[in-house]
Amino acid sequence: MLMISVILKQQIPIEVEKKISILCKEFSEQLQSNKEIFIGFHTRALKNIDEDDQKSIIKNESLIREWVMNLYRALIEIFPTRNKTEEETIANS
């Protein structure tokens, strides 16, 4: 249900590749540590679910989004010499 891709414009040193691999493995372990995280992928069914389950779905979806954003930020940190996008500059100010 979730695929994370890291797309690079050029070949990277093996050390950087290892760091990326470690971050992705940690992300995977984080997802696997929450046995109910899968329900966060069922937001399309919210209308047909009772209120308590809706809250659980929304909570887990928020966790997934937060963890993906944390992974994204950690990956960006690996490449400190690159130029930041306008969105990143605004978000960091």
C-alpha atoms as a PDB file:
ATOM      1  CA  MET A   1       0.000   0.000   0.000  1.00  0.00           C
ATOM      2  CA  LEU A   2       2.946   2.320   0.391  1.00  0.00           C
ATOM      3  CA  MET A   3       5.957   2.699  -1.821  1.00  0.00           C
ATOM      4  CA  ILE A   4       8.739   5.132  -1.104  1.00  0.00           C
ATOM      5  CA  SER A   5      11.158   5.972  -3.904  1.00  0.00           C
ATOM      6  CA  VAL A   6      14.341   7.975  -3.762  1.00  0.00           C
ATOM      7  CA  ILE A   7      15.107   9.416  -7.177  1.00  0.00           C
ATOM      8  CA  LEU A   8      18.495  10.993  -7.754  1.00  0.00           C
ATOM      9  CA  LYS A   9      19.776  12.883 -10.783  1.00  0.00           C
ATOM     10  CA  GLN A  10      23.269  11.511 -10.536  1.00  0.00           C
ATOM     11  CA  GLN A  11      25.188   8.597  -9.143  1.00  0.00           C
ATOM     12  CA  ILE A  12      25.959   8.912  -5.442  1.00  0.00           C
ATOM     13  CA  PRO A  13      28.859   7.702  -3.318  1.00  0.00           C
ATOM     14  CA  ILE A  14      28.399   4.315  -1.662  1.00  0.00           C
ATOM     15  CA  GLU A  15      28.463   5.979   1.779  1.00  0.00           C
ATOM     16  CA  VAL A  16      25.425   8.076   0.872  1.00  0.00           C
ATOM     17  CA  GLU A  17      23.690   5.038  -0.594  1.00  0.00           C
ATOM     18  CA  LYS A  18      24.247   3.199   2.697  1.00  0.00           C
ATOM     19  CA  LYS A  19      22.793   6.116   4.674  1.00  0.00           C
ATOM     20  CA  ILE A  20      19.712   6.131   2.455  1.00  0.00           C
ATOM     21  CA  SER A  21      19.337   2.385   2.884  1.00  0.00           C
ATOM     22  CA  ILE A  22      19.571   2.707   6.675  1.00  0.00           C
ATOM     23  CA  LEU A  23      16.945   5.475   6.747  1.00  0.00           C
ATOM     24  CA  CYS A  24      14.572   3.408   4.605  1.00  0.00           C
ATOM     25  CA  LYS A  25      15.092   0.335   6.789  1.00  0.00           C
ATOM     26  CA  GLU A  26      14.385   2.385   9.921  1.00  0.00           C
ATOM     27  CA  PHE A  27      11.233   3.746   8.268  1.00  0.00           C
ATOM     28  CA  SER A  28      10.111   0.216   7.436  1.00  0.00           C
ATOM     29  CA  GLU A  29      10.753  -0.924  11.003  1.00  0.00           C
ATOM     30  CA  GLN A  30       8.803   2.053  12.313  1.00  0.00           C
ATOM     31  CA  LEU A  31       5.797   1.067  10.188  1.00  0.00           C
ATOM     32  CA  GLN A  32       6.075  -2.555  11.260  1.00  0.00           C
ATOM     33  CA  SER A  33       6.249  -1.580  14.934  1.00  0.00           C
ATOM     34  CA  ASN A  34       2.652  -0.344  14.835  1.00  0.00           C
ATOM     35  CA  LYS A  35       0.404  -3.364  14.229  1.00  0.00           C
ATOM     36  CA  GLU A  36      -2.598  -1.138  13.454  1.00  0.00           C
ATOM     37  CA  ILE A  37      -0.889   1.312  11.100  1.00  0.00           C
ATOM     38  CA  PHE A  38      -2.480  -0.385   8.081  1.00  0.00           C
ATOM     39  CA  ILE A  39      -5.867   1.111   8.945  1.00  0.00           C
ATOM     40  CA  GLY A  40      -4.422   4.546   8.202  1.00  0.00           C
ATOM     41  CA  PHE A  41      -4.591   3.611   4.524  1.00  0.00           C
ATOM     42  CA  HIS A  42      -8.383   3.226   4.615  1.00  0.00           C
ATOM     43  CA  THR A  43      -9.428   6.873   4.580  1.00  0.00           C
ATOM     44  CA  ARG A  44     -11.709   6.385   1.571  1.00  0.00           C
ATOM     45  CA  ALA A  45     -13.979   4.201   3.688  1.00  0.00           C
ATOM     46  CA  LEU A  46     -14.497   6.796   6.448  1.00  0.00           C
ATOM     47  CA  LYS A  47     -18.120   7.493   5.515  1.00  0.00           C
ATOM     48  CA  ASN A  48     -19.090   3.870   6.095  1.00  0.00           C
ATOM     49  CA  ILE A  49     -17.341   3.391   9.447  1.00  0.00           C
ATOM     50  CA  ASP A  50     -18.420   4.191  12.995  1.00  0.00           C
ATOM     51  CA  GLU A  51     -16.976   7.227  14.756  1.00  0.00           C
ATOM     52  CA  ASP A  52     -14.467   5.387  16.990  1.00  0.00           C
ATOM     53  CA  ASP A  53     -12.968   3.562  14.020  1.00  0.00           C
ATOM     54  CA  GLN A  54     -12.900   6.810  12.025  1.00  0.00           C
ATOM     55  CA  LYS A  55     -10.777   8.386  14.758  1.00  0.00           C
ATOM     56  CA  SER A  56      -8.384   5.446  14.673  1.00  0.00           C
ATOM     57  CA  ILE A  57      -8.080   5.630  10.886  1.00  0.00           C
ATOM     58  CA  ILE A  58      -7.433   9.379  10.979  1.00  0.00           C
ATOM     59  CA  LYS A  59      -4.888   8.981  13.785  1.00  0.00           C
ATOM     60  CA  ASN A  60      -2.967   6.299  11.879  1.00  0.00           C
ATOM     61  CA  GLU A  61      -3.125   8.227   8.614  1.00  0.00           C
ATOM     62  CA  SER A  62      -1.618  11.211  10.427  1.00  0.00           C
ATOM     63  CA  LEU A  63       1.157   8.988  11.771  1.00  0.00           C
ATOM     64  CA  ILE A  64       1.919   7.682   8.284  1.00  0.00           C
ATOM     65  CA  ARG A  65       2.065  11.210   6.883  1.00  0.00           C
ATOM     66  CA  GLU A  66       4.293  12.368   9.751  1.00  0.00           C
ATOM     67  CA  TRP A  67       6.660   9.424   9.355  1.00  0.00           C
ATOM     68  CA  VAL A  68       6.912   9.921   5.589  1.00  0.00           C
ATOM     69  CA  MET A  69       7.675  13.614   6.114  1.00  0.00           C
ATOM     70  CA  ASN A  70      10.316  12.733   8.723  1.00  0.00           C
ATOM     71  CA  LEU A  71      11.899  10.308   6.272  1.00  0.00           C
ATOM     72  CA  TYR A  72      11.853  12.986   3.574  1.00  0.00           C
ATOM     73  CA  ARG A  73      13.539  15.491   5.884  1.00  0.00           C
ATOM     74  CA  ALA A  74      16.155  12.950   6.955  1.00  0.00           C
ATOM     75  CA  LEU A  75      16.918  12.160   3.317  1.00  0.00           C
ATOM     76  CA  ILE A  76      17.298  15.847   2.522  1.00  0.00           C
ATOM     77  CA  GLU A  77      19.809  16.184   5.363  1.00  0.00           C
ATOM     78  CA  ILE A  78      22.084  13.707   3.579  1.00  0.00           C
ATOM     79  CA  PHE A  79      22.501  16.177   0.706  1.00  0.00           C
ATOM     80  CA  PRO A  80      23.457  19.458   2.428  1.00  0.00           C
ATOM     81  CA  THR A  81      25.094  20.977  -0.642  1.00  0.00           C
ATOM     82  CA  ARG A  82      22.007  20.959  -2.822  1.00  0.00           C
ATOM     83  CA  ASN A  83      19.846  24.053  -3.311  1.00  0.00           C
ATOM     84  CA  LYS A  84      16.640  24.105  -1.311  1.00  0.00           C
ATOM     85  CA  THR A  85      13.331  24.442  -3.092  1.00  0.00           C
ATOM     86  CA  GLU A  86      11.173  27.502  -2.517  1.00  0.00           C
ATOM     87  CA  GLU A  87       8.786  25.349  -0.460  1.00  0.00           C
ATOM     88  CA  GLU A  88      11.593  24.153   1.802  1.00  0.00           C
ATOM     89  CA  THR A  89      12.845  27.690   2.331  1.00  0.00           C
ATOM     90  CA  ILE A  90       9.346  28.857   3.315  1.00  0.00           C
ATOM     91  CA  ALA A  91       8.759  25.812   5.557  1.00  0.00           C
ATOM     92  CA  ASN A  92      12.034  26.352   7.415  1.00  0.00           C
ATOM     93  CA  SER A  93      11.406  30.059   8.090  1.00  0.00           C
END
